[in-house]
C-alpha atoms as a PDB file:
ATOM      1  CA  MET A   1      13.603 -12.013  12.680  1.00  0.00           C
ATOM      2  CA  PHE A   2      15.456  -9.284  11.018  1.00  0.00           C
ATOM      3  CA  VAL A   3      19.161  -8.444  11.083  1.00  0.00           C
ATOM      4  CA  ARG A   4      20.307  -5.013  11.824  1.00  0.00           C
ATOM      5  CA  THR A   5      23.700  -3.499  11.936  1.00  0.00           C
ATOM      6  CA  PRO A   6      24.224  -0.216  13.654  1.00  0.00           C
ATOM      7  CA  ARG A   7      25.369   2.579  11.458  1.00  0.00           C
ATOM      8  CA  SER A   8      26.839   6.064  11.966  1.00  0.00           C
ATOM      9  CA  GLY A   9      27.500   8.854   9.592  1.00  0.00           C
ATOM     10  CA  VAL A  10      24.771   7.786   7.130  1.00  0.00           C
ATOM     11  CA  ALA A  11      24.677  11.080   5.301  1.00  0.00           C
ATOM     12  CA  ILE A  12      28.215  11.053   4.001  1.00  0.00           C
ATOM     13  CA  PRO A  13      29.382  13.405   1.306  1.00  0.00           C
ATOM     14  CA  GLY A  14      28.714  11.914  -2.074  1.00  0.00           C
ATOM     15  CA  ILE A  15      30.529  12.455  -5.390  1.00  0.00           C
ATOM     16  CA  TRP A  16      28.663  15.174  -7.512  1.00  0.00           C
ATOM     17  CA  ILE A  17      27.352  13.972 -10.720  1.00  0.00           C
ATOM     18  CA  ALA A  18      29.516  14.481 -13.857  1.00  0.00           C
ATOM     19  CA  LEU A  19      27.903  16.709 -16.498  1.00  0.00           C
ATOM     20  CA  ALA A  20      28.689  14.329 -19.260  1.00  0.00           C
ATOM     21  CA  ILE A  21      27.346  10.883 -18.602  1.00  0.00           C
ATOM     22  CA  THR A  22      28.405   8.689 -21.499  1.00  0.00           C
ATOM     23  CA  SER A  23      27.698   4.928 -21.159  1.00  0.00           C
ATOM     24  CA  TYR A  24      24.143   5.062 -20.697  1.00  0.00           C
ATOM     25  CA  LEU A  25      23.030   8.003 -22.617  1.00  0.00           C
ATOM     26  CA  CYS A  26      20.470   7.590 -25.468  1.00  0.00           C
ATOM     27  CA  GLY A  27      22.678  10.024 -27.725  1.00  0.00           C
ATOM     28  CA  CYS A  28      20.837  13.155 -26.865  1.00  0.00           C
ATOM     29  CA  SER A  29      23.113  16.128 -26.008  1.00  0.00           C
ATOM     30  CA  GLY A  30      22.372  18.304 -23.006  1.00  0.00           C
ATOM     31  CA  TYR A  31      20.581  21.676 -23.267  1.00  0.00           C
ATOM     32  CA  SER A  32      19.855  24.672 -21.309  1.00  0.00           C
ATOM     33  CA  PRO A  33      16.315  25.379 -20.002  1.00  0.00           C
ATOM     34  CA  SER A  34      14.118  28.217 -21.490  1.00  0.00           C
ATOM     35  CA  HIS A  35      12.037  30.477 -19.543  1.00  0.00           C
ATOM     36  CA  SER A  36       8.165  30.511 -20.114  1.00  0.00           C
ATOM     37  CA  GLY A  37       5.959  33.401 -19.720  1.00  0.00           C
ATOM     38  CA  THR A  38       3.134  31.403 -18.851  1.00  0.00           C
ATOM     39  CA  GLY A  39       3.419  31.880 -15.115  1.00  0.00           C
ATOM     40  CA  ASN A  40       1.042  34.128 -13.088  1.00  0.00           C
ATOM     41  CA  ALA A  41       2.929  37.330 -12.432  1.00  0.00           C
ATOM     42  CA  ASN A  42       0.095  38.615 -10.400  1.00  0.00           C
ATOM     43  CA  ALA A  43       0.216  35.488  -8.004  1.00  0.00           C
ATOM     44  CA  SER A  44       0.166  37.016  -4.420  1.00  0.00           C
ATOM     45  CA  ALA A  45       3.058  36.296  -2.099  1.00  0.00           C
ATOM     46  CA  PRO A  46       2.474  33.902   0.864  1.00  0.00           C
ATOM     47  CA  SER A  47       1.158  35.701   3.902  1.00  0.00           C
ATOM     48  CA  GLY A  48       3.793  34.247   6.419  1.00  0.00           C
ATOM     49  CA  ALA A  49       6.457  31.768   7.216  1.00  0.00           C
ATOM     50  CA  ILE A  50       6.469  28.880   4.715  1.00  0.00           C
ATOM     51  CA  ALA A  51       6.153  25.407   6.032  1.00  0.00           C
ATOM     52  CA  GLY A  52       6.424  23.936   2.576  1.00  0.00           C
ATOM     53  CA  TYR A  53       4.427  23.601  -0.715  1.00  0.00           C
ATOM     54  CA  ILE A  54       1.371  21.344  -0.940  1.00  0.00           C
ATOM     55  CA  TRP A  55       0.613  19.489  -4.145  1.00  0.00           C
ATOM     56  CA  ASP A  56      -3.105  19.904  -4.757  1.00  0.00           C
ATOM     57  CA  SER A  57      -4.538  17.667  -7.509  1.00  0.00           C
ATOM     58  CA  ARG A  58      -7.846  19.380  -7.317  1.00  0.00           C
ATOM     59  CA  VAL A  59      -6.366  22.604  -8.770  1.00  0.00           C
ATOM     60  CA  HIS A  60      -3.409  21.051 -10.395  1.00  0.00           C
ATOM     61  CA  GLY A  61      -1.099  23.306  -8.501  1.00  0.00           C
ATOM     62  CA  LEU A  62       1.320  23.958  -5.847  1.00  0.00           C
ATOM     63  CA  ARG A  63       0.165  25.808  -2.831  1.00  0.00           C
ATOM     64  CA  PRO A  64       2.277  27.476  -0.284  1.00  0.00           C
ATOM     65  CA  LEU A  65       1.571  26.065   3.457  1.00  0.00           C
ATOM     66  CA  SER A  66       1.768  29.314   5.689  1.00  0.00           C
ATOM     67  CA  GLY A  67       2.709  28.884   9.337  1.00  0.00           C
ATOM     68  CA  SER A  68       4.116  25.945  11.081  1.00  0.00           C
ATOM     69  CA  LEU A  69       2.909  22.414  11.123  1.00  0.00           C
ATOM     70  CA  GLY A  70       0.091  22.046  13.523  1.00  0.00           C
ATOM     71  CA  ALA A  71      -0.861  25.622  12.901  1.00  0.00           C
ATOM     72  CA  ALA A  72      -0.732  26.165   9.190  1.00  0.00           C
ATOM     73  CA  HIS A  73      -3.087  27.110   6.380  1.00  0.00           C
ATOM     74  CA  LEU A  74      -3.166  26.898   2.496  1.00  0.00           C
ATOM     75  CA  GLU A  75      -2.570  29.820   0.340  1.00  0.00           C
ATOM     76  CA  SER A  76      -3.888  30.171  -3.138  1.00  0.00           C
ATOM     77  CA  PRO A  77      -1.999  28.322  -5.877  1.00  0.00           C
ATOM     78  CA  LEU A  78       1.261  30.172  -6.853  1.00  0.00           C
ATOM     79  CA  THR A  79       0.923  30.185 -10.591  1.00  0.00           C
ATOM     80  CA  GLY A  80      -1.629  30.265 -13.228  1.00  0.00           C
ATOM     81  CA  LEU A  81       0.200  27.568 -15.270  1.00  0.00           C
ATOM     82  CA  ALA A  82      -1.789  24.201 -15.103  1.00  0.00           C
ATOM     83  CA  LEU A  83       0.316  21.584 -13.899  1.00  0.00           C
ATOM     84  CA  HIS A  84       0.029  17.814 -14.519  1.00  0.00           C
ATOM     85  CA  SER A  85       2.124  17.033 -11.640  1.00  0.00           C
ATOM     86  CA  ALA A  86       4.985  18.550  -9.473  1.00  0.00           C
ATOM     87  CA  THR A  87       7.176  17.583  -6.677  1.00  0.00           C
ATOM     88  CA  ALA A  88       8.548  20.582  -4.662  1.00  0.00           C
ATOM     89  CA  CYS A  89      11.867  21.216  -2.874  1.00  0.00           C
ATOM     90  CA  PRO A  90      11.029  23.978  -0.519  1.00  0.00           C
ATOM     91  CA  ASP A  91      14.275  24.292   1.048  1.00  0.00           C
ATOM     92  CA  ARG A  92      15.880  25.113  -2.444  1.00  0.00           C
ATOM     93  CA  LYS A  93      12.975  27.133  -3.658  1.00  0.00           C
ATOM     94  CA  PHE A  94      11.936  25.197  -6.710  1.00  0.00           C
ATOM     95  CA  ALA A  95       9.907  22.413  -8.001  1.00  0.00           C
ATOM     96  CA  LEU A  96      10.144  19.784 -10.624  1.00  0.00           C
ATOM     97  CA  GLY A  97       7.073  19.524 -12.535  1.00  0.00           C
ATOM     98  CA  SER A  98       5.226  18.925 -15.852  1.00  0.00           C
ATOM     99  CA  ASP A  99       2.687  21.021 -17.561  1.00  0.00           C
ATOM    100  CA  THR A 100      -0.565  19.888 -19.266  1.00  0.00           C
ATOM    101  CA  SER A 101       1.468  19.138 -22.486  1.00  0.00           C
ATOM    102  CA  GLY A 102       3.667  16.929 -20.485  1.00  0.00           C
ATOM    103  CA  SER A 103       6.809  19.283 -20.813  1.00  0.00           C
ATOM    104  CA  VAL A 104       9.253  18.922 -18.060  1.00  0.00           C
ATOM    105  CA  ILE A 105       9.723  22.217 -16.229  1.00  0.00           C
ATOM    106  CA  ALA A 106      11.345  23.763 -13.310  1.00  0.00           C
ATOM    107  CA  VAL A 107       9.135  26.077 -11.188  1.00  0.00           C
ATOM    108  CA  SER A 108      10.792  28.849  -9.087  1.00  0.00           C
ATOM    109  CA  LEU A 109       9.226  29.362  -5.685  1.00  0.00           C
ATOM    110  CA  PRO A 110       7.643  31.337  -4.491  1.00  0.00           C
ATOM    111  CA  SER A 111       7.336  33.357  -7.746  1.00  0.00           C
ATOM    112  CA  GLY A 112       5.786  30.378  -9.736  1.00  0.00           C
ATOM    113  CA  GLN A 113       7.921  31.304 -12.844  1.00  0.00           C
ATOM    114  CA  PRO A 114       8.457  28.157 -14.941  1.00  0.00           C
ATOM    115  CA  SER A 115      11.417  27.256 -17.099  1.00  0.00           C
ATOM    116  CA  LYS A 116      11.197  24.408 -19.615  1.00  0.00           C
ATOM    117  CA  LEU A 117      13.658  21.651 -19.250  1.00  0.00           C
ATOM    118  CA  GLY A 118      12.540  19.118 -21.859  1.00  0.00           C
ATOM    119  CA  ASP A 119       9.792  17.618 -23.756  1.00  0.00           C
ATOM    120  CA  ALA A 120       7.417  15.143 -22.419  1.00  0.00           C
ATOM    121  CA  VAL A 121       9.109  11.723 -22.100  1.00  0.00           C
ATOM    122  CA  ALA A 122       5.773   9.850 -22.462  1.00  0.00           C
ATOM    123  CA  ALA A 123       2.265   9.902 -21.147  1.00  0.00           C
ATOM    124  CA  ASP A 124       2.891   7.915 -18.204  1.00  0.00           C
ATOM    125  CA  GLN A 125       6.001   9.884 -17.184  1.00  0.00           C
ATOM    126  CA  ARG A 126       6.882  10.266 -13.516  1.00  0.00           C
ATOM    127  CA  LEU A 127       9.045  12.880 -11.816  1.00  0.00           C
ATOM    128  CA  THR A 128      11.467  12.388  -8.895  1.00  0.00           C
ATOM    129  CA  LEU A 129      14.300  14.469  -7.295  1.00  0.00           C
ATOM    130  CA  SER A 130      17.365  13.462  -5.434  1.00  0.00           C
ATOM    131  CA  PRO A 131      17.429  13.885  -1.640  1.00  0.00           C
ATOM    132  CA  SER A 132      19.214  17.269  -1.745  1.00  0.00           C
ATOM    133  CA  CYS A 133      17.332  18.309  -5.051  1.00  0.00           C
ATOM    134  CA  VAL A 134      20.439  18.612  -7.026  1.00  0.00           C
ATOM    135  CA  ASN A 135      19.480  15.987  -9.482  1.00  0.00           C
ATOM    136  CA  GLY A 136      16.181  15.192 -11.092  1.00  0.00           C
ATOM    137  CA  LEU A 137      14.605  12.348 -13.137  1.00  0.00           C
ATOM    138  CA  ALA A 138      11.687  12.297 -15.327  1.00  0.00           C
ATOM    139  CA  TYR A 139      11.142   8.729 -16.713  1.00  0.00           C
ATOM    140  CA  SER A 140       8.540   6.612 -18.447  1.00  0.00           C
ATOM    141  CA  PRO A 141       8.016   3.217 -16.703  1.00  0.00           C
ATOM    142  CA  SER A 142       6.556   1.501 -19.838  1.00  0.00           C
ATOM    143  CA  ARG A 143       9.553   2.764 -21.913  1.00  0.00           C
ATOM    144  CA  GLY A 144      12.250   2.399 -19.403  1.00  0.00           C
ATOM    145  CA  SER A 145      13.789   5.553 -20.535  1.00  0.00           C
ATOM    146  CA  GLY A 146      13.733   9.209 -19.460  1.00  0.00           C
ATOM    147  CA  LEU A 147      15.521  12.512 -18.804  1.00  0.00           C
ATOM    148  CA  LEU A 148      18.347  12.944 -16.205  1.00  0.00           C
ATOM    149  CA  ILE A 149      18.563  16.602 -15.080  1.00  0.00           C
ATOM    150  CA  SER A 150      21.658  17.611 -13.202  1.00  0.00           C
ATOM    151  CA  GLY A 151      22.833  20.834 -11.635  1.00  0.00           C
ATOM    152  CA  LEU A 152      19.516  21.835 -10.134  1.00  0.00           C
ATOM    153  CA  PRO A 153      18.294  24.505  -9.482  1.00  0.00           C
ATOM    154  CA  SER A 154      20.643  27.131 -10.816  1.00  0.00           C
ATOM    155  CA  ALA A 155      22.251  25.522 -13.877  1.00  0.00           C
ATOM    156  CA  PRO A 156      20.227  22.562 -14.896  1.00  0.00           C
ATOM    157  CA  ARG A 157      21.613  20.237 -17.632  1.00  0.00           C
ATOM    158  CA  VAL A 158      19.341  17.656 -19.331  1.00  0.00           C
ATOM    159  CA  GLN A 159      20.451  14.342 -20.664  1.00  0.00           C
ATOM    160  CA  SER A 160      18.283  11.494 -22.292  1.00  0.00           C
ATOM    161  CA  ILE A 161      18.953   8.186 -20.626  1.00  0.00           C
ATOM    162  CA  ALA A 162      17.979   4.648 -20.945  1.00  0.00           C
ATOM    163  CA  LEU A 163      17.183   3.229 -17.352  1.00  0.00           C
ATOM    164  CA  ARG A 164      17.246  -0.601 -18.944  1.00  0.00           C
ATOM    165  CA  THR A 165      18.646  -2.046 -22.224  1.00  0.00           C
ATOM    166  CA  ALA A 166      15.176  -3.180 -22.929  1.00  0.00           C
ATOM    167  CA  GLY A 167      11.758  -3.486 -21.147  1.00  0.00           C
ATOM    168  CA  PRO A 168       9.587  -1.419 -18.689  1.00  0.00           C
ATOM    169  CA  VAL A 169      10.603  -0.344 -15.035  1.00  0.00           C
ATOM    170  CA  ALA A 170       8.445  -0.446 -11.936  1.00  0.00           C
ATOM    171  CA  SER A 171      10.102   2.463 -10.175  1.00  0.00           C
ATOM    172  CA  ALA A 172      13.198   4.562 -10.054  1.00  0.00           C
ATOM    173  CA  ALA A 173      15.124   6.783  -7.642  1.00  0.00           C
ATOM    174  CA  ILE A 174      17.972   9.155  -8.068  1.00  0.00           C
ATOM    175  CA  SER A 175      20.694   9.978  -5.639  1.00  0.00           C
ATOM    176  CA  ASP A 176      22.735  13.102  -4.913  1.00  0.00           C
ATOM    177  CA  SER A 177      25.820  11.704  -6.774  1.00  0.00           C
ATOM    178  CA  GLY A 178      23.491  10.916  -9.829  1.00  0.00           C
ATOM    179  CA  ALA A 179      23.305   7.211  -9.350  1.00  0.00           C
ATOM    180  CA  ILE A 180      19.810   5.649 -10.244  1.00  0.00           C
ATOM    181  CA  LEU A 181      18.264   2.847  -8.602  1.00  0.00           C
ATOM    182  CA  VAL A 182      15.770   0.944 -10.841  1.00  0.00           C
ATOM    183  CA  ALA A 183      13.221  -1.700  -9.934  1.00  0.00           C
ATOM    184  CA  ALA A 184      12.129  -3.767 -13.055  1.00  0.00           C
ATOM    185  CA  PRO A 185       9.331  -6.408 -13.230  1.00  0.00           C
ATOM    186  CA  LYS A 186      10.433  -9.971 -13.894  1.00  0.00           C
ATOM    187  CA  SER A 187       8.502 -12.885 -15.705  1.00  0.00           C
ATOM    188  CA  ASP A 188       7.893 -14.610 -12.485  1.00  0.00           C
ATOM    189  CA  GLY A 189       6.048 -11.553 -11.016  1.00  0.00           C
ATOM    190  CA  THR A 190       8.875 -10.438  -8.695  1.00  0.00           C
ATOM    191  CA  VAL A 191      11.160  -7.582  -9.142  1.00  0.00           C
ATOM    192  CA  SER A 192      14.845  -7.044  -9.839  1.00  0.00           C
ATOM    193  CA  LEU A 193      16.874  -4.137  -8.851  1.00  0.00           C
ATOM    194  CA  GLU A 194      19.691  -2.481 -10.793  1.00  0.00           C
ATOM    195  CA  ILE A 195      21.991   0.392  -9.886  1.00  0.00           C
ATOM    196  CA  LEU A 196      23.231   2.827 -12.673  1.00  0.00           C
ATOM    197  CA  SER A 197      26.177   4.602 -11.299  1.00  0.00           C
ATOM    198  CA  ALA A 198      27.079   8.288 -12.016  1.00  0.00           C
ATOM    199  CA  THR A 199      29.717   7.130 -14.312  1.00  0.00           C
ATOM    200  CA  GLY A 200      27.174   5.062 -16.347  1.00  0.00           C
ATOM    201  CA  ALA A 201      28.185   1.756 -15.151  1.00  0.00           C
ATOM    202  CA  SER A 202      25.208  -0.636 -14.549  1.00  0.00           C
ATOM    203  CA  GLN A 203      24.964  -3.444 -12.098  1.00  0.00           C
ATOM    204  CA  ILE A 204      22.089  -5.999 -11.324  1.00  0.00           C
ATOM    205  CA  LEU A 205      21.997  -6.197  -7.506  1.00  0.00           C
ATOM    206  CA  THR A 206      21.575  -9.754  -6.067  1.00  0.00           C
ATOM    207  CA  PHE A 207      18.682  -9.058  -3.833  1.00  0.00           C
ATOM    208  CA  PRO A 208      15.266 -10.875  -3.618  1.00  0.00           C
ATOM    209  CA  LEU A 209      12.336  -8.388  -3.819  1.00  0.00           C
ATOM    210  CA  GLN A 210       8.845  -9.724  -4.231  1.00  0.00           C
ATOM    211  CA  LYS A 211       6.928  -6.371  -4.812  1.00  0.00           C
ATOM    212  CA  ILE A 212       8.236  -2.713  -4.822  1.00  0.00           C
ATOM    213  CA  GLY A 213       6.675  -0.644  -2.140  1.00  0.00           C
ATOM    214  CA  GLY A 214       8.915   2.435  -2.265  1.00  0.00           C
ATOM    215  CA  MET A 215      12.478   3.284  -2.546  1.00  0.00           C
ATOM    216  CA  ALA A 216      14.483   6.557  -1.704  1.00  0.00           C
ATOM    217  CA  PHE A 217      18.194   7.482  -1.478  1.00  0.00           C
ATOM    218  CA  VAL A 218      19.627   8.907   1.773  1.00  0.00           C
ATOM    219  CA  PRO A 219      21.119  12.488   1.318  1.00  0.00           C
ATOM    220  CA  GLY A 220      24.728  12.693   0.291  1.00  0.00           C
ATOM    221  CA  ALA A 221      25.253   8.907   0.163  1.00  0.00           C
ATOM    222  CA  ASP A 222      25.186   5.920  -1.981  1.00  0.00           C
ATOM    223  CA  SER A 223      22.731   4.325   0.447  1.00  0.00           C
ATOM    224  CA  ALA A 224      18.998   3.699  -0.166  1.00  0.00           C
ATOM    225  CA  ILE A 225      15.788   2.663   1.764  1.00  0.00           C
ATOM    226  CA  VAL A 226      13.897  -0.005  -0.170  1.00  0.00           C
ATOM    227  CA  ALA A 227      10.407  -1.411   0.872  1.00  0.00           C
ATOM    228  CA  ASP A 228       8.955  -4.742  -0.200  1.00  0.00           C
ATOM    229  CA  SER A 229       5.075  -4.603   0.088  1.00  0.00           C
ATOM    230  CA  ALA A 230       4.579  -8.234  -0.340  1.00  0.00           C
ATOM    231  CA  ALA A 231       7.122  -9.280   2.306  1.00  0.00           C
ATOM    232  CA  ASN A 232       6.139  -6.412   4.645  1.00  0.00           C
ATOM    233  CA  THR A 233       9.832  -5.686   5.009  1.00  0.00           C
ATOM    234  CA  VAL A 234      12.052  -2.456   4.739  1.00  0.00           C
ATOM    235  CA  TYR A 235      15.716  -2.790   3.785  1.00  0.00           C
ATOM    236  CA  PHE A 236      18.712  -0.389   3.969  1.00  0.00           C
ATOM    237  CA  GLY A 237      21.160  -0.874   0.975  1.00  0.00           C
ATOM    238  CA  GLU A 238      24.573   0.633   1.392  1.00  0.00           C
ATOM    239  CA  GLN A 239      27.525   1.130  -1.224  1.00  0.00           C
ATOM    240  CA  LEU A 240      25.163   0.299  -4.055  1.00  0.00           C
ATOM    241  CA  SER A 241      27.503   1.456  -6.810  1.00  0.00           C
ATOM    242  CA  SER A 242      30.528  -0.477  -5.478  1.00  0.00           C
ATOM    243  CA  ARG A 243      30.021  -3.234  -3.078  1.00  0.00           C
ATOM    244  CA  PRO A 244      26.263  -3.392  -2.532  1.00  0.00           C
ATOM    245  CA  SER A 245      24.842  -4.839   0.688  1.00  0.00           C
ATOM    246  CA  PHE A 246      21.308  -4.977   2.184  1.00  0.00           C
ATOM    247  CA  ALA A 247      20.252  -5.391   5.743  1.00  0.00           C
ATOM    248  CA  ALA A 248      16.431  -5.644   6.865  1.00  0.00           C
ATOM    249  CA  ILE A 249      15.762  -2.744   9.107  1.00  0.00           C
ATOM    250  CA  ALA A 250      12.060  -3.245   9.821  1.00  0.00           C
ATOM    251  CA  ALA A 251       9.404  -6.063   9.139  1.00  0.00           C
ATOM    252  CA  PHE A 252       5.918  -6.931   9.952  1.00  0.00           C
ATOM    253  CA  ALA A 253       6.584  -7.483  13.574  1.00  0.00           C
ATOM    254  CA  GLN A 254       7.825  -3.942  13.794  1.00  0.00           C
ATOM    255  CA  GLY A 255       4.959  -2.434  12.167  1.00  0.00           C
ATOM    256  CA  VAL A 256       5.491  -2.616   8.373  1.00  0.00           C
ATOM    257  CA  SER A 257       2.290  -3.476   6.615  1.00  0.00           C
ATOM    258  CA  ASN A 258       1.691  -3.080   2.809  1.00  0.00           C
ATOM    259  CA  PRO A 259       4.187  -0.117   2.551  1.00  0.00           C
ATOM    260  CA  ARG A 260       3.351   2.411  -0.187  1.00  0.00           C
ATOM    261  CA  ALA A 261       6.125   4.972   0.138  1.00  0.00           C
ATOM    262  CA  VAL A 262       9.374   5.519   1.906  1.00  0.00           C
ATOM    263  CA  ALA A 263      11.631   8.650   2.434  1.00  0.00           C
ATOM    264  CA  SER A 264      14.518   9.941   4.421  1.00  0.00           C
ATOM    265  CA  SER A 265      14.895  12.975   6.611  1.00  0.00           C
ATOM    266  CA  ALA A 266      17.161  15.492   5.177  1.00  0.00           C
ATOM    267  CA  ASP A 267      19.997  14.980   7.592  1.00  0.00           C
ATOM    268  CA  GLY A 268      19.929  11.052   6.713  1.00  0.00           C
ATOM    269  CA  HIS A 269      19.124  10.337  10.450  1.00  0.00           C
ATOM    270  CA  TYR A 270      15.600   8.768  10.030  1.00  0.00           C
ATOM    271  CA  ALA A 271      13.767   6.509   7.535  1.00  0.00           C
ATOM    272  CA  PHE A 272      10.005   6.967   7.193  1.00  0.00           C
ATOM    273  CA  VAL A 273       7.648   4.510   5.912  1.00  0.00           C
ATOM    274  CA  ALA A 274       3.825   4.973   4.815  1.00  0.00           C
ATOM    275  CA  ASN A 275       1.774   1.897   5.298  1.00  0.00           C
ATOM    276  CA  GLY A 276      -1.253   0.888   3.395  1.00  0.00           C
ATOM    277  CA  ALA A 277      -2.494  -1.144   6.357  1.00  0.00           C
ATOM    278  CA  GLY A 278      -1.912  -1.513  10.126  1.00  0.00           C
ATOM    279  CA  ASN A 279       0.075   1.252  11.942  1.00  0.00           C
ATOM    280  CA  ASN A 280      -0.181   4.090   9.218  1.00  0.00           C
ATOM    281  CA  LEU A 281       3.422   5.342   9.532  1.00  0.00           C
ATOM    282  CA  LEU A 282       6.776   4.253  10.841  1.00  0.00           C
ATOM    283  CA  ARG A 283       9.992   6.244  11.884  1.00  0.00           C
ATOM    284  CA  ILE A 284      13.235   4.326  11.763  1.00  0.00           C
ATOM    285  CA  ASP A 285      16.453   5.416  13.228  1.00  0.00           C
ATOM    286  CA  LEU A 286      19.262   4.679  10.576  1.00  0.00           C
ATOM    287  CA  THR A 287      21.862   5.263  13.125  1.00  0.00           C
ATOM    288  CA  THR A 288      20.968   2.789  15.872  1.00  0.00           C
ATOM    289  CA  THR A 289      19.227  -0.492  16.476  1.00  0.00           C
ATOM    290  CA  THR A 290      16.247   1.010  18.348  1.00  0.00           C
ATOM    291  CA  THR A 291      12.839  -0.252  17.609  1.00  0.00           C
ATOM    292  CA  PRO A 292      10.984   1.582  14.940  1.00  0.00           C
ATOM    293  CA  VAL A 293       8.466   4.304  16.348  1.00  0.00           C
ATOM    294  CA  PRO A 294       4.841   3.944  15.020  1.00  0.00           C
ATOM    295  CA  VAL A 295       3.200   7.125  14.167  1.00  0.00           C
ATOM    296  CA  ALA A 296      -0.811   6.929  14.260  1.00  0.00           C
ATOM    297  CA  CYS A 297      -2.810   8.813  11.726  1.00  0.00           C
ATOM    298  CA  GLY A 298      -6.645   9.039  11.182  1.00  0.00           C
ATOM    299  CA  CYS A 299      -5.803   8.826   7.477  1.00  0.00           C
ATOM    300  CA  SER A 300      -4.693   6.496   4.663  1.00  0.00           C
ATOM    301  CA  PRO A 301      -1.132   7.692   3.721  1.00  0.00           C
ATOM    302  CA  THR A 302      -0.303   7.420   0.168  1.00  0.00           C
ATOM    303  CA  GLU A 303       2.977   9.415  -0.382  1.00  0.00           C
ATOM    304  CA  LEU A 304       5.970  11.036   1.487  1.00  0.00           C
ATOM    305  CA  LEU A 305       6.351  14.508  -0.202  1.00  0.00           C
ATOM    306  CA  PRO A 306       8.951  16.703   1.547  1.00  0.00           C
ATOM    307  CA  LEU A 307       7.895  19.851   3.196  1.00  0.00           C
ATOM    308  CA  ALA A 308      10.343  22.568   4.522  1.00  0.00           C
ATOM    309  CA  GLY A 309      12.826  21.515   7.359  1.00  0.00           C
ATOM    310  CA  ASN A 310      14.369  18.184   8.257  1.00  0.00           C
ATOM    311  CA  ALA A 311      11.466  15.714   8.448  1.00  0.00           C
ATOM    312  CA  GLY A 312       8.123  17.116   7.318  1.00  0.00           C
ATOM    313  CA  PHE A 313       6.082  15.446   4.799  1.00  0.00           C
ATOM    314  CA  GLN A 314       2.892  15.616   3.057  1.00  0.00           C
ATOM    315  CA  ILE A 315       1.282  12.312   3.383  1.00  0.00           C
ATOM    316  CA  THR A 316      -2.232  12.511   1.719  1.00  0.00           C
ATOM    317  CA  ASP A 317      -3.546  14.487  -1.272  1.00  0.00           C
ATOM    318  CA  ALA A 318      -6.278  17.092  -1.171  1.00  0.00           C
ATOM    319  CA  GLU A 319      -8.265  15.027  -3.493  1.00  0.00           C
ATOM    320  CA  ALA A 320      -8.954  12.458  -0.744  1.00  0.00           C
ATOM    321  CA  GLY A 321     -10.900  15.232   1.013  1.00  0.00           C
ATOM    322  CA  VAL A 322      -8.472  16.071   3.594  1.00  0.00           C
ATOM    323  CA  ILE A 323      -4.704  16.765   3.724  1.00  0.00           C
ATOM    324  CA  PHE A 324      -2.490  15.304   6.462  1.00  0.00           C
ATOM    325  CA  ALA A 325       1.222  16.005   7.082  1.00  0.00           C
ATOM    326  CA  LEU A 326       3.816  14.198   9.173  1.00  0.00           C
ATOM    327  CA  ASN A 327       6.049  16.121  11.609  1.00  0.00           C
ATOM    328  CA  GLY A 328       8.710  13.550  11.984  1.00  0.00           C
ATOM    329  CA  ASP A 329      11.489  15.664  13.725  1.00  0.00           C
ATOM    330  CA  GLU A 330       9.789  15.530  17.246  1.00  0.00           C
ATOM    331  CA  ILE A 331      10.735  13.291  20.099  1.00  0.00           C
ATOM    332  CA  ILE A 332       7.238  11.680  19.540  1.00  0.00           C
ATOM    333  CA  PRO A 333       6.689  12.047  15.768  1.00  0.00           C
ATOM    334  CA  ARG A 334       2.973  12.918  15.103  1.00  0.00           C
ATOM    335  CA  THR A 335       0.650  13.744  12.270  1.00  0.00           C
ATOM    336  CA  VAL A 336      -1.228  17.139  11.702  1.00  0.00           C
ATOM    337  CA  PHE A 337      -4.258  17.932   9.870  1.00  0.00           C
ATOM    338  CA  ILE A 338      -4.281  20.703   7.355  1.00  0.00           C
ATOM    339  CA  PRO A 339      -7.580  22.518   6.702  1.00  0.00           C
ATOM    340  CA  THR A 340      -8.639  22.288   3.117  1.00  0.00           C
ATOM    341  CA  ASP A 341     -11.073  24.587   1.219  1.00  0.00           C
ATOM    342  CA  LYS A 342     -13.837  23.788  -1.249  1.00  0.00           C
ATOM    343  CA  VAL A 343     -12.956  23.818  -4.969  1.00  0.00           C
ATOM    344  CA  SER A 344     -14.906  24.877  -7.835  1.00  0.00           C
ATOM    345  CA  ALA A 345     -14.848  22.065 -10.534  1.00  0.00           C
ATOM    346  CA  GLY A 346     -15.879  24.427 -13.123  1.00  0.00           C
ATOM    347  CA  ALA A 347     -13.265  27.181 -12.236  1.00  0.00           C
ATOM    348  CA  GLY A 348     -10.582  24.659 -11.359  1.00  0.00           C
ATOM    349  CA  GLY A 349      -9.429  26.882  -8.434  1.00  0.00           C
ATOM    350  CA  ALA A 350      -9.937  27.111  -4.673  1.00  0.00           C
ATOM    351  CA  GLN A 351     -12.877  29.233  -3.257  1.00  0.00           C
END
């Protein structure tokens, strides 16, 4: 059995991050981004309404998704700049990415113009954005350190941070207030959770977690969705920077099976879970105690990357051969197939 408490007003206003974060900085002062001229000035504009931007690892680029989910098609990559990775924020018209050298960049959408934010953290760096895309984080799991980027997208400021005093991290997520949730491996094989508040204070969360299966903050709130892939359980944590509490909101009996990723809708109403087994996806209402809604998909979802709107997500990468997206805002949520194209390995582009 799992315990669930009804909630209302999940997406409450947060406290914007202070530009100077003192107690957990590594001593690197902030700096302003520089524009790069390596973008493709001749990139053609998307031909229609944009449903989001698809990360296509085959061409190492972001591709506009024209039309509406269910009747959309992929456009050519927006930029000639080869990217190592990128996560788009279509509603704020930019993406956080890294180029082939590892440098962290902001990419203007749809122009594709890149601006350098900082040097590479490490070869294994990961990128993540806060729910409303006002903050970003580039971090190295092996080093447990990274770059905190505030003021996105118009006035970014970059600070070096230590996510832990020592040792690696398994995963990290950043909130709209600048708080960072860190999952770190323990010697017994389980995972500990720690919260770094926007003021720099750190706190170990007394919460048993066997294996991290994804975590994501809710927009504008000090609350997060956390999945345990070993326990097949999804939790909702509230007041994480002050009086943290966790409640299970879905378990194996409700369709959680080896979760790989979690996400929140833009309005904070729903949580979404991408499963590695069983029912492929789940939608969980964060404001009521209704039963989670399973969402069938003829695919193996590996991610929940936001598309335009309130609850659209890319759930598979083109490298798998097909692209699927989730339309989670409908009364009955559904997955849709996005037609892909052939790619020339030699040219590195779509044909």
